[in-house]
Amino acid sequence: MDWQELTDLTQGRPFVVERVRLVGSGVAVEGQFEPPQLAQLGVDDQVFVAAFVRSHGSIKEMERIFGVSYPTIKSRLKRIAEHLDFVDIAPAATGADVVDRLRRGEISVQEALAELESS
């Protein structure tokens, strides 16, 4: 079964993967795993996101590929984005990070205190 069949079968309803088998190694892991957010999108939206990434985010190229207007592309991107959680890839600075930056002279004492108080 491929992702398209699975997506058609689930029809956008939430699902959980309970077994993962690594191809070629015979290793299998059982438990409850939530599939990645992109895998939970409908097939059409998965294709759209893949095309967007392959076109390096060029809306002009997306217009050409799909034969639709700029507002249509923007609207669809907005709709898809509403289904995806924001992933914060920059973790909050620790107290040690703030102190290190202070020692290197990158921030003032007042800035360091403000950062420490806000965290």
C-alpha atoms as a PDB file:
ATOM      1  CA  MET A   1       0.000   0.000   0.000  1.00  0.00           C
ATOM      2  CA  ASP A   2       1.379   3.422  -0.876  1.00  0.00           C
ATOM      3  CA  TRP A   3       0.641   6.816   0.684  1.00  0.00           C
ATOM      4  CA  GLN A   4      -1.951   7.682  -1.943  1.00  0.00           C
ATOM      5  CA  GLU A   5      -3.982   4.557  -1.161  1.00  0.00           C
ATOM      6  CA  LEU A   6      -3.660   5.193   2.571  1.00  0.00           C
ATOM      7  CA  THR A   7      -4.727   8.820   2.166  1.00  0.00           C
ATOM      8  CA  ASP A   8      -7.719   7.766   0.041  1.00  0.00           C
ATOM      9  CA  LEU A   9      -8.652   5.132   2.626  1.00  0.00           C
ATOM     10  CA  THR A  10      -8.480   7.492   5.620  1.00  0.00           C
ATOM     11  CA  GLN A  11     -10.278  10.343   3.774  1.00  0.00           C
ATOM     12  CA  GLY A  12      -8.614  12.999   5.896  1.00  0.00           C
ATOM     13  CA  ARG A  13      -9.564  11.380   9.213  1.00  0.00           C
ATOM     14  CA  PRO A  14      -6.791  11.141  11.813  1.00  0.00           C
ATOM     15  CA  PHE A  15      -4.979   7.805  11.949  1.00  0.00           C
ATOM     16  CA  VAL A  16      -2.198   6.165  13.934  1.00  0.00           C
ATOM     17  CA  VAL A  17       0.512   3.853  12.626  1.00  0.00           C
ATOM     18  CA  GLU A  18       0.987   0.910  14.984  1.00  0.00           C
ATOM     19  CA  ARG A  19       3.803  -1.027  13.339  1.00  0.00           C
ATOM     20  CA  VAL A  20       6.887   0.085  11.428  1.00  0.00           C
ATOM     21  CA  ARG A  21       9.142  -2.414   9.638  1.00  0.00           C
ATOM     22  CA  LEU A  22      12.550  -1.391   8.321  1.00  0.00           C
ATOM     23  CA  VAL A  23      12.915  -2.741   4.791  1.00  0.00           C
ATOM     24  CA  GLY A  24      15.774  -5.191   4.353  1.00  0.00           C
ATOM     25  CA  SER A  25      16.690  -5.533   8.023  1.00  0.00           C
ATOM     26  CA  GLY A  26      13.772  -7.508   9.398  1.00  0.00           C
ATOM     27  CA  VAL A  27      13.526  -5.087  12.313  1.00  0.00           C
ATOM     28  CA  ALA A  28       9.991  -4.083  13.289  1.00  0.00           C
ATOM     29  CA  VAL A  29       8.859  -1.626  15.946  1.00  0.00           C
ATOM     30  CA  GLU A  30       5.369  -1.684  17.408  1.00  0.00           C
ATOM     31  CA  GLY A  31       3.649   1.122  19.257  1.00  0.00           C
ATOM     32  CA  GLN A  32       1.523   4.118  18.360  1.00  0.00           C
ATOM     33  CA  PHE A  33       3.162   6.561  15.955  1.00  0.00           C
ATOM     34  CA  GLU A  34       1.503   9.646  14.559  1.00  0.00           C
ATOM     35  CA  PRO A  35       2.402  10.068  10.901  1.00  0.00           C
ATOM     36  CA  PRO A  36       4.165  13.279   9.847  1.00  0.00           C
ATOM     37  CA  GLN A  37       1.882  16.238   9.176  1.00  0.00           C
ATOM     38  CA  LEU A  38       2.599  16.234   5.455  1.00  0.00           C
ATOM     39  CA  ALA A  39       1.578  12.573   5.242  1.00  0.00           C
ATOM     40  CA  GLN A  40      -1.755  13.503   6.805  1.00  0.00           C
ATOM     41  CA  LEU A  41      -2.597  15.913   3.975  1.00  0.00           C
ATOM     42  CA  GLY A  42      -4.781  14.738   1.113  1.00  0.00           C
ATOM     43  CA  VAL A  43      -3.034  13.379  -1.976  1.00  0.00           C
ATOM     44  CA  ASP A  44      -3.752  16.535  -4.001  1.00  0.00           C
ATOM     45  CA  ASP A  45      -2.273  18.726  -1.268  1.00  0.00           C
ATOM     46  CA  GLN A  46       0.791  16.457  -0.973  1.00  0.00           C
ATOM     47  CA  VAL A  47       1.365  16.823  -4.722  1.00  0.00           C
ATOM     48  CA  PHE A  48       0.888  20.595  -4.437  1.00  0.00           C
ATOM     49  CA  VAL A  49       3.417  20.896  -1.582  1.00  0.00           C
ATOM     50  CA  ALA A  50       5.937  18.728  -3.468  1.00  0.00           C
ATOM     51  CA  ALA A  51       5.534  20.915  -6.570  1.00  0.00           C
ATOM     52  CA  PHE A  52       5.974  24.052  -4.456  1.00  0.00           C
ATOM     53  CA  VAL A  53       9.206  22.737  -2.954  1.00  0.00           C
ATOM     54  CA  ARG A  54      10.510  21.517  -6.338  1.00  0.00           C
ATOM     55  CA  SER A  55       9.795  24.955  -7.822  1.00  0.00           C
ATOM     56  CA  HIS A  56      11.791  26.543  -4.963  1.00  0.00           C
ATOM     57  CA  GLY A  57       8.697  28.349  -3.717  1.00  0.00           C
ATOM     58  CA  SER A  58       8.123  30.187  -6.985  1.00  0.00           C
ATOM     59  CA  ILE A  59       4.476  31.133  -7.191  1.00  0.00           C
ATOM     60  CA  LYS A  60       4.994  32.131 -10.824  1.00  0.00           C
ATOM     61  CA  GLU A  61       6.205  28.567 -11.564  1.00  0.00           C
ATOM     62  CA  MET A  62       3.241  27.138  -9.618  1.00  0.00           C
ATOM     63  CA  GLU A  63       0.889  29.240 -11.764  1.00  0.00           C
ATOM     64  CA  ARG A  64       2.481  27.711 -14.847  1.00  0.00           C
ATOM     65  CA  ILE A  65       2.423  24.120 -13.537  1.00  0.00           C
ATOM     66  CA  PHE A  66      -1.178  24.165 -12.327  1.00  0.00           C
ATOM     67  CA  GLY A  67      -2.588  26.662 -14.822  1.00  0.00           C
ATOM     68  CA  VAL A  68      -4.173  28.828 -12.156  1.00  0.00           C
ATOM     69  CA  SER A  69      -3.817  32.418 -10.953  1.00  0.00           C
ATOM     70  CA  TYR A  70      -1.615  33.928  -8.247  1.00  0.00           C
ATOM     71  CA  PRO A  71      -4.564  34.393  -5.825  1.00  0.00           C
ATOM     72  CA  THR A  72      -5.536  30.728  -6.306  1.00  0.00           C
ATOM     73  CA  ILE A  73      -2.013  29.558  -5.446  1.00  0.00           C
ATOM     74  CA  LYS A  74      -1.859  31.857  -2.396  1.00  0.00           C
ATOM     75  CA  SER A  75      -5.284  30.698  -1.230  1.00  0.00           C
ATOM     76  CA  ARG A  76      -4.327  27.047  -1.503  1.00  0.00           C
ATOM     77  CA  LEU A  77      -1.036  27.611   0.324  1.00  0.00           C
ATOM     78  CA  LYS A  78      -2.931  29.380   3.096  1.00  0.00           C
ATOM     79  CA  ARG A  79      -5.446  26.536   3.368  1.00  0.00           C
ATOM     80  CA  ILE A  80      -2.677  23.917   3.534  1.00  0.00           C
ATOM     81  CA  ALA A  81      -0.720  25.981   6.082  1.00  0.00           C
ATOM     82  CA  GLU A  82      -3.757  25.964   8.377  1.00  0.00           C
ATOM     83  CA  HIS A  83      -3.394  22.164   8.620  1.00  0.00           C
ATOM     84  CA  LEU A  84       0.275  22.309   9.606  1.00  0.00           C
ATOM     85  CA  ASP A  85       1.648  23.161  13.029  1.00  0.00           C
ATOM     86  CA  PHE A  86       4.486  25.631  13.183  1.00  0.00           C
ATOM     87  CA  VAL A  87       7.758  23.923  14.075  1.00  0.00           C
ATOM     88  CA  ASP A  88      10.126  26.100  16.064  1.00  0.00           C
ATOM     89  CA  ILE A  89      13.597  25.066  14.952  1.00  0.00           C
ATOM     90  CA  ALA A  90      15.385  27.659  17.096  1.00  0.00           C
ATOM     91  CA  PRO A  91      15.245  26.475  20.707  1.00  0.00           C
ATOM     92  CA  ALA A  92      15.009  29.087  23.435  1.00  0.00           C
ATOM     93  CA  ALA A  93      18.322  30.216  24.829  1.00  0.00           C
ATOM     94  CA  THR A  94      19.359  28.689  28.140  1.00  0.00           C
ATOM     95  CA  GLY A  95      20.738  30.693  31.035  1.00  0.00           C
ATOM     96  CA  ALA A  96      24.214  29.399  30.163  1.00  0.00           C
ATOM     97  CA  ASP A  97      23.794  30.642  26.560  1.00  0.00           C
ATOM     98  CA  VAL A  98      22.866  34.106  27.805  1.00  0.00           C
ATOM     99  CA  VAL A  99      25.839  34.211  30.175  1.00  0.00           C
ATOM    100  CA  ASP A 100      28.195  33.065  27.389  1.00  0.00           C
ATOM    101  CA  ARG A 101      26.922  35.825  25.089  1.00  0.00           C
ATOM    102  CA  LEU A 102      27.369  38.341  27.906  1.00  0.00           C
ATOM    103  CA  ARG A 103      30.978  37.175  28.491  1.00  0.00           C
ATOM    104  CA  ARG A 104      31.764  37.550  24.790  1.00  0.00           C
ATOM    105  CA  GLY A 105      30.374  41.086  24.857  1.00  0.00           C
ATOM    106  CA  GLU A 106      27.572  40.287  22.388  1.00  0.00           C
ATOM    107  CA  ILE A 107      24.888  41.643  24.739  1.00  0.00           C
ATOM    108  CA  SER A 108      24.805  44.116  27.616  1.00  0.00           C
ATOM    109  CA  VAL A 109      24.071  43.258  31.240  1.00  0.00           C
ATOM    110  CA  GLN A 110      20.614  44.812  30.861  1.00  0.00           C
ATOM    111  CA  GLU A 111      19.881  42.674  27.777  1.00  0.00           C
ATOM    112  CA  ALA A 112      21.092  39.555  29.569  1.00  0.00           C
ATOM    113  CA  LEU A 113      18.880  40.286  32.572  1.00  0.00           C
ATOM    114  CA  ALA A 114      15.888  40.926  30.313  1.00  0.00           C
ATOM    115  CA  GLU A 115      16.418  37.610  28.478  1.00  0.00           C
ATOM    116  CA  LEU A 116      16.829  35.704  31.734  1.00  0.00           C
ATOM    117  CA  GLU A 117      13.692  37.267  33.194  1.00  0.00           C
ATOM    118  CA  SER A 118      11.611  36.492  30.098  1.00  0.00           C
ATOM    119  CA  SER A 119      12.608  32.820  30.124  1.00  0.00           C
END
